[in-house]
C-alpha atoms as a PDB file:
ATOM      1  CA  MET A   1      68.871  41.951  72.599  1.00  0.00           C
ATOM      2  CA  MET A   2      70.172  39.397  70.229  1.00  0.00           C
ATOM      3  CA  PRO A   3      73.929  39.085  69.672  1.00  0.00           C
ATOM      4  CA  ARG A   4      75.258  40.136  66.372  1.00  0.00           C
ATOM      5  CA  SER A   5      76.569  37.571  64.166  1.00  0.00           C
ATOM      6  CA  PRO A   6      80.172  37.885  62.917  1.00  0.00           C
ATOM      7  CA  SER A   7      78.915  38.544  59.268  1.00  0.00           C
ATOM      8  CA  SER A   8      76.912  41.626  60.330  1.00  0.00           C
ATOM      9  CA  MET A   9      79.930  43.465  61.657  1.00  0.00           C
ATOM     10  CA  PRO A  10      81.131  46.380  59.545  1.00  0.00           C
ATOM     11  CA  PRO A  11      84.481  45.998  57.809  1.00  0.00           C
ATOM     12  CA  PRO A  12      87.470  47.497  59.532  1.00  0.00           C
ATOM     13  CA  PRO A  13      88.411  50.921  58.339  1.00  0.00           C
ATOM     14  CA  ASN A  14      91.043  51.163  55.623  1.00  0.00           C
ATOM     15  CA  PRO A  15      94.255  52.561  57.183  1.00  0.00           C
ATOM     16  CA  ALA A  16      95.105  54.475  53.977  1.00  0.00           C
ATOM     17  CA  ALA A  17      93.633  57.854  53.909  1.00  0.00           C
ATOM     18  CA  TYR A  18      91.337  58.780  51.056  1.00  0.00           C
ATOM     19  CA  PHE A  19      91.888  62.073  49.294  1.00  0.00           C
ATOM     20  CA  PRO A  20      89.474  63.022  46.486  1.00  0.00           C
ATOM     21  CA  PRO A  21      91.143  63.762  43.161  1.00  0.00           C
ATOM     22  CA  PRO A  22      91.879  67.325  42.347  1.00  0.00           C
ATOM     23  CA  ARG A  23      89.243  69.279  40.265  1.00  0.00           C
ATOM     24  CA  VAL A  24      91.252  70.850  37.571  1.00  0.00           C
ATOM     25  CA  THR A  25      89.882  72.095  34.187  1.00  0.00           C
ATOM     26  CA  LEU A  26      93.102  73.998  33.192  1.00  0.00           C
ATOM     27  CA  PRO A  27      95.826  72.082  31.441  1.00  0.00           C
ATOM     28  CA  SER A  28      99.241  71.404  32.916  1.00  0.00           C
ATOM     29  CA  GLY A  29     102.620  72.208  31.472  1.00  0.00           C
ATOM     30  CA  LEU A  30     103.074  74.663  28.659  1.00  0.00           C
ATOM     31  CA  GLU A  31      99.555  74.044  27.463  1.00  0.00           C
ATOM     32  CA  ILE A  32      98.358  76.472  30.154  1.00  0.00           C
ATOM     33  CA  LEU A  33      99.948  79.286  28.146  1.00  0.00           C
ATOM     34  CA  ARG A  34      97.742  78.353  25.116  1.00  0.00           C
ATOM     35  CA  THR A  35      94.480  79.023  27.107  1.00  0.00           C
ATOM     36  CA  TYR A  36      92.816  82.307  27.631  1.00  0.00           C
ATOM     37  CA  SER A  37      93.412  82.021  31.463  1.00  0.00           C
ATOM     38  CA  GLY A  38      97.148  81.365  30.919  1.00  0.00           C
ATOM     39  CA  ALA A  39      97.439  84.346  28.635  1.00  0.00           C
ATOM     40  CA  VAL A  40      95.666  86.649  31.138  1.00  0.00           C
ATOM     41  CA  ILE A  41      97.828  85.398  33.948  1.00  0.00           C
ATOM     42  CA  PHE A  42     100.837  86.263  31.955  1.00  0.00           C
ATOM     43  CA  LEU A  43      99.411  89.765  31.200  1.00  0.00           C
ATOM     44  CA  GLU A  44      98.778  90.101  34.980  1.00  0.00           C
ATOM     45  CA  ILE A  45     102.432  89.343  35.643  1.00  0.00           C
ATOM     46  CA  LEU A  46     103.654  91.644  32.898  1.00  0.00           C
ATOM     47  CA  PHE A  47     101.380  94.626  33.795  1.00  0.00           C
ATOM     48  CA  GLY A  48     102.151  94.047  37.511  1.00  0.00           C
ATOM     49  CA  THR A  49     105.843  94.260  36.875  1.00  0.00           C
ATOM     50  CA  ILE A  50     105.327  97.595  35.001  1.00  0.00           C
ATOM     51  CA  VAL A  51     103.259  98.983  37.939  1.00  0.00           C
ATOM     52  CA  TRP A  52     105.900  97.775  40.447  1.00  0.00           C
ATOM     53  CA  ILE A  53     108.645  99.597  38.437  1.00  0.00           C
ATOM     54  CA  LEU A  54     106.722 102.797  37.921  1.00  0.00           C
ATOM     55  CA  VAL A  55     105.681 103.152  41.481  1.00  0.00           C
ATOM     56  CA  ALA A  56     109.308 102.428  42.647  1.00  0.00           C
ATOM     57  CA  SER A  57     110.724 104.982  40.288  1.00  0.00           C
ATOM     58  CA  THR A  58     108.940 108.041  41.608  1.00  0.00           C
ATOM     59  CA  GLN A  59     109.381 110.268  44.562  1.00  0.00           C
ATOM     60  CA  VAL A  60     106.806 109.031  47.075  1.00  0.00           C
ATOM     61  CA  PRO A  61     104.859 112.122  48.208  1.00  0.00           C
ATOM     62  CA  LEU A  62     102.245 110.203  50.215  1.00  0.00           C
ATOM     63  CA  PRO A  63     103.915 107.091  51.599  1.00  0.00           C
ATOM     64  CA  LEU A  64     100.670 105.533  53.033  1.00  0.00           C
ATOM     65  CA  LEU A  65      98.930 105.488  49.700  1.00  0.00           C
ATOM     66  CA  GLN A  66     101.715 104.490  47.523  1.00  0.00           C
ATOM     67  CA  GLY A  67     103.014 102.084  50.124  1.00  0.00           C
ATOM     68  CA  TRP A  68      99.758 100.130  49.810  1.00  0.00           C
ATOM     69  CA  VAL A  69      99.949 100.224  45.973  1.00  0.00           C
ATOM     70  CA  MET A  70     103.504  98.897  46.120  1.00  0.00           C
ATOM     71  CA  PHE A  71     102.455  96.170  48.618  1.00  0.00           C
ATOM     72  CA  VAL A  72      99.556  94.997  46.520  1.00  0.00           C
ATOM     73  CA  ALA A  73     101.572  95.056  43.207  1.00  0.00           C
ATOM     74  CA  VAL A  74     104.529  93.063  44.796  1.00  0.00           C
ATOM     75  CA  THR A  75     102.363  90.580  46.657  1.00  0.00           C
ATOM     76  CA  ALA A  76     100.078  89.925  43.650  1.00  0.00           C
ATOM     77  CA  TRP A  77     103.111  89.594  41.415  1.00  0.00           C
ATOM     78  CA  PHE A  78     104.713  86.890  43.532  1.00  0.00           C
ATOM     79  CA  LEU A  79     101.443  85.080  44.064  1.00  0.00           C
ATOM     80  CA  SER A  80     100.589  85.118  40.356  1.00  0.00           C
ATOM     81  CA  ILE A  81     103.999  83.761  39.516  1.00  0.00           C
ATOM     82  CA  ALA A  82     103.495  81.032  42.087  1.00  0.00           C
ATOM     83  CA  PHE A  83      99.963  80.218  40.848  1.00  0.00           C
ATOM     84  CA  LEU A  84     101.267  80.017  37.238  1.00  0.00           C
ATOM     85  CA  CYS A  85     104.176  77.823  38.330  1.00  0.00           C
ATOM     86  CA  VAL A  86     101.763  75.353  40.026  1.00  0.00           C
ATOM     87  CA  PHE A  87     100.112  74.760  36.555  1.00  0.00           C
ATOM     88  CA  LEU A  88     103.413  74.905  34.507  1.00  0.00           C
ATOM     89  CA  PHE A  89     105.139  72.285  36.575  1.00  0.00           C
ATOM     90  CA  GLY A  90     102.132  70.039  36.929  1.00  0.00           C
ATOM     91  CA  TYR A  91     101.656  70.371  40.718  1.00  0.00           C
ATOM     92  CA  ALA A  92      97.912  71.070  40.250  1.00  0.00           C
ATOM     93  CA  ASN A  93      97.390  67.376  39.367  1.00  0.00           C
ATOM     94  CA  ARG A  94      99.203  66.276  42.452  1.00  0.00           C
ATOM     95  CA  ILE A  95      97.631  68.531  45.079  1.00  0.00           C
ATOM     96  CA  ALA A  96      94.098  67.414  45.919  1.00  0.00           C
ATOM     97  CA  ILE A  97      92.082  70.692  46.133  1.00  0.00           C
ATOM     98  CA  ASN A  98      89.433  72.217  44.038  1.00  0.00           C
ATOM     99  CA  TRP A  99      91.703  74.275  41.773  1.00  0.00           C
ATOM    100  CA  ASN A 100      88.664  76.000  40.041  1.00  0.00           C
ATOM    101  CA  GLN A 101      87.412  77.418  43.244  1.00  0.00           C
ATOM    102  CA  THR A 102      90.959  78.268  44.345  1.00  0.00           C
ATOM    103  CA  ASP A 103      91.370  80.168  41.077  1.00  0.00           C
ATOM    104  CA  PHE A 104      88.243  82.052  41.576  1.00  0.00           C
ATOM    105  CA  LEU A 105      88.984  82.940  45.152  1.00  0.00           C
ATOM    106  CA  PHE A 106      92.477  83.993  44.409  1.00  0.00           C
ATOM    107  CA  HIS A 107      91.793  86.140  41.375  1.00  0.00           C
ATOM    108  CA  GLY A 108      88.553  87.606  42.912  1.00  0.00           C
ATOM    109  CA  ALA A 109      90.384  88.783  46.076  1.00  0.00           C
ATOM    110  CA  THR A 110      93.332  90.036  44.041  1.00  0.00           C
ATOM    111  CA  PHE A 111      91.001  91.992  41.819  1.00  0.00           C
ATOM    112  CA  VAL A 112      89.414  93.818  44.725  1.00  0.00           C
ATOM    113  CA  PHE A 113      92.842  94.730  46.171  1.00  0.00           C
ATOM    114  CA  TYR A 114      94.316  95.725  42.887  1.00  0.00           C
ATOM    115  CA  PHE A 115      91.266  97.891  42.002  1.00  0.00           C
ATOM    116  CA  GLY A 116      91.697  99.645  45.443  1.00  0.00           C
ATOM    117  CA  ALA A 117      95.379 100.108  44.688  1.00  0.00           C
ATOM    118  CA  PHE A 118      94.454 101.613  41.276  1.00  0.00           C
ATOM    119  CA  LEU A 119      92.120 104.099  43.110  1.00  0.00           C
ATOM    120  CA  LEU A 120      94.856 105.050  45.599  1.00  0.00           C
ATOM    121  CA  GLN A 121      97.382 105.550  42.719  1.00  0.00           C
ATOM    122  CA  ALA A 122      94.978 107.716  40.841  1.00  0.00           C
ATOM    123  CA  ALA A 123      94.154 109.758  43.960  1.00  0.00           C
ATOM    124  CA  THR A 124      97.882 110.318  44.439  1.00  0.00           C
ATOM    125  CA  THR A 125      98.157 111.401  40.805  1.00  0.00           C
ATOM    126  CA  SER A 126      95.220 113.800  41.182  1.00  0.00           C
ATOM    127  CA  LEU A 127      97.151 115.811  43.824  1.00  0.00           C
ATOM    128  CA  HIS A 128      99.554 117.053  41.255  1.00  0.00           C
ATOM    129  CA  HIS A 129      98.279 120.607  41.194  1.00  0.00           C
ATOM    130  CA  PHE A 130      98.050 121.022  44.922  1.00  0.00           C
ATOM    131  CA  PRO A 131     100.897 123.087  46.460  1.00  0.00           C
ATOM    132  CA  ARG A 132     102.855 121.857  49.254  1.00  0.00           C
ATOM    133  CA  LYS A 133     103.593 124.906  51.551  1.00  0.00           C
ATOM    134  CA  PHE A 134     106.949 124.946  53.386  1.00  0.00           C
ATOM    135  CA  ASN A 135     106.530 128.506  54.470  1.00  0.00           C
ATOM    136  CA  SER A 136     104.702 131.626  53.331  1.00  0.00           C
ATOM    137  CA  THR A 137     107.088 132.573  50.651  1.00  0.00           C
ATOM    138  CA  SER A 138     107.903 129.314  48.929  1.00  0.00           C
ATOM    139  CA  GLN A 139     105.431 126.735  47.458  1.00  0.00           C
ATOM    140  CA  GLU A 140     106.302 123.473  45.791  1.00  0.00           C
ATOM    141  CA  LYS A 141     103.958 120.975  43.933  1.00  0.00           C
ATOM    142  CA  ILE A 142     103.414 117.647  45.653  1.00  0.00           C
ATOM    143  CA  LEU A 143     104.525 115.918  42.444  1.00  0.00           C
ATOM    144  CA  SER A 144     107.115 117.217  39.922  1.00  0.00           C
ATOM    145  CA  ASP A 145     106.065 117.116  36.312  1.00  0.00           C
ATOM    146  CA  HIS A 146     108.338 114.101  35.737  1.00  0.00           C
ATOM    147  CA  ASP A 147     106.824 112.238  38.771  1.00  0.00           C
ATOM    148  CA  TYR A 148     103.313 113.198  37.625  1.00  0.00           C
ATOM    149  CA  ASN A 149     103.830 111.635  34.241  1.00  0.00           C
ATOM    150  CA  ILE A 150     105.165 108.377  35.726  1.00  0.00           C
ATOM    151  CA  SER A 151     102.293 108.410  38.220  1.00  0.00           C
ATOM    152  CA  ILE A 152      99.798 108.642  35.318  1.00  0.00           C
ATOM    153  CA  ALA A 153     101.443 105.616  33.636  1.00  0.00           C
ATOM    154  CA  ALA A 154     101.325 103.734  36.932  1.00  0.00           C
ATOM    155  CA  SER A 155      97.653 104.468  37.330  1.00  0.00           C
ATOM    156  CA  ILE A 156      96.945 103.398  33.787  1.00  0.00           C
ATOM    157  CA  PHE A 157      98.844 100.088  34.253  1.00  0.00           C
ATOM    158  CA  ALA A 158      97.273  99.523  37.619  1.00  0.00           C
ATOM    159  CA  PHE A 159      93.942  99.760  35.999  1.00  0.00           C
ATOM    160  CA  ALA A 160      94.990  97.434  33.156  1.00  0.00           C
ATOM    161  CA  THR A 161      96.198  94.949  35.713  1.00  0.00           C
ATOM    162  CA  ALA A 162      92.965  95.169  37.692  1.00  0.00           C
ATOM    163  CA  VAL A 163      91.093  94.571  34.474  1.00  0.00           C
ATOM    164  CA  CYS A 164      93.218  91.360  33.845  1.00  0.00           C
ATOM    165  CA  TYR A 165      92.459  90.142  37.402  1.00  0.00           C
ATOM    166  CA  GLY A 166      88.740  90.801  36.750  1.00  0.00           C
ATOM    167  CA  CYS A 167      88.933  88.787  33.568  1.00  0.00           C
ATOM    168  CA  SER A 168      90.611  85.951  35.273  1.00  0.00           C
ATOM    169  CA  THR A 169      87.997  86.083  38.000  1.00  0.00           C
ATOM    170  CA  ALA A 170      85.277  85.811  35.292  1.00  0.00           C
ATOM    171  CA  LEU A 171      87.016  82.929  33.556  1.00  0.00           C
ATOM    172  CA  ALA A 172      87.493  81.172  36.815  1.00  0.00           C
ATOM    173  CA  LEU A 173      83.842  81.511  37.729  1.00  0.00           C
ATOM    174  CA  ARG A 174      82.838  80.144  34.464  1.00  0.00           C
ATOM    175  CA  ARG A 175      85.062  77.054  34.884  1.00  0.00           C
ATOM    176  CA  TRP A 176      83.960  76.579  38.538  1.00  0.00           C
ATOM    177  CA  ARG A 177      80.236  76.651  37.682  1.00  0.00           C
ATOM    178  CA  LEU A 178      80.643  74.031  34.940  1.00  0.00           C
END
């Protein structure tokens, strides 16, 4: 074997870590609210707030079903606000991740969970006419008429919120594939 000459040695590694620049196609600052994605995220937060308020304002006949609806509504609401704040305050340009992929994954997963929450809220609403038997002489409906009306509104807004998350998923997929 022949000894290597000093000029054929590879250069020493750079001690500074290399981070690729973030991939962002959405604007930062208030410009995010002028895009379709920003407007849809704003609607997600607005409709999610309405779902949260409506579900919280009813008597809960089935805690397991409506507990999941409430969990999804509150969690998606907080995460959507955090996601919007990342773009409003310009952190998306400082954090080196693929924001287009993150946008797609977040909205896609949230769409699935919110659509499931809509189905559970609609199932709870559909039980309005079934009686709850306490004993053989008295019967009471699972939902009162007032709670039934609120539950209908919660179902409609949960569906509207799920549609908003679906639209955000489609917009994010289009940006990610470009």
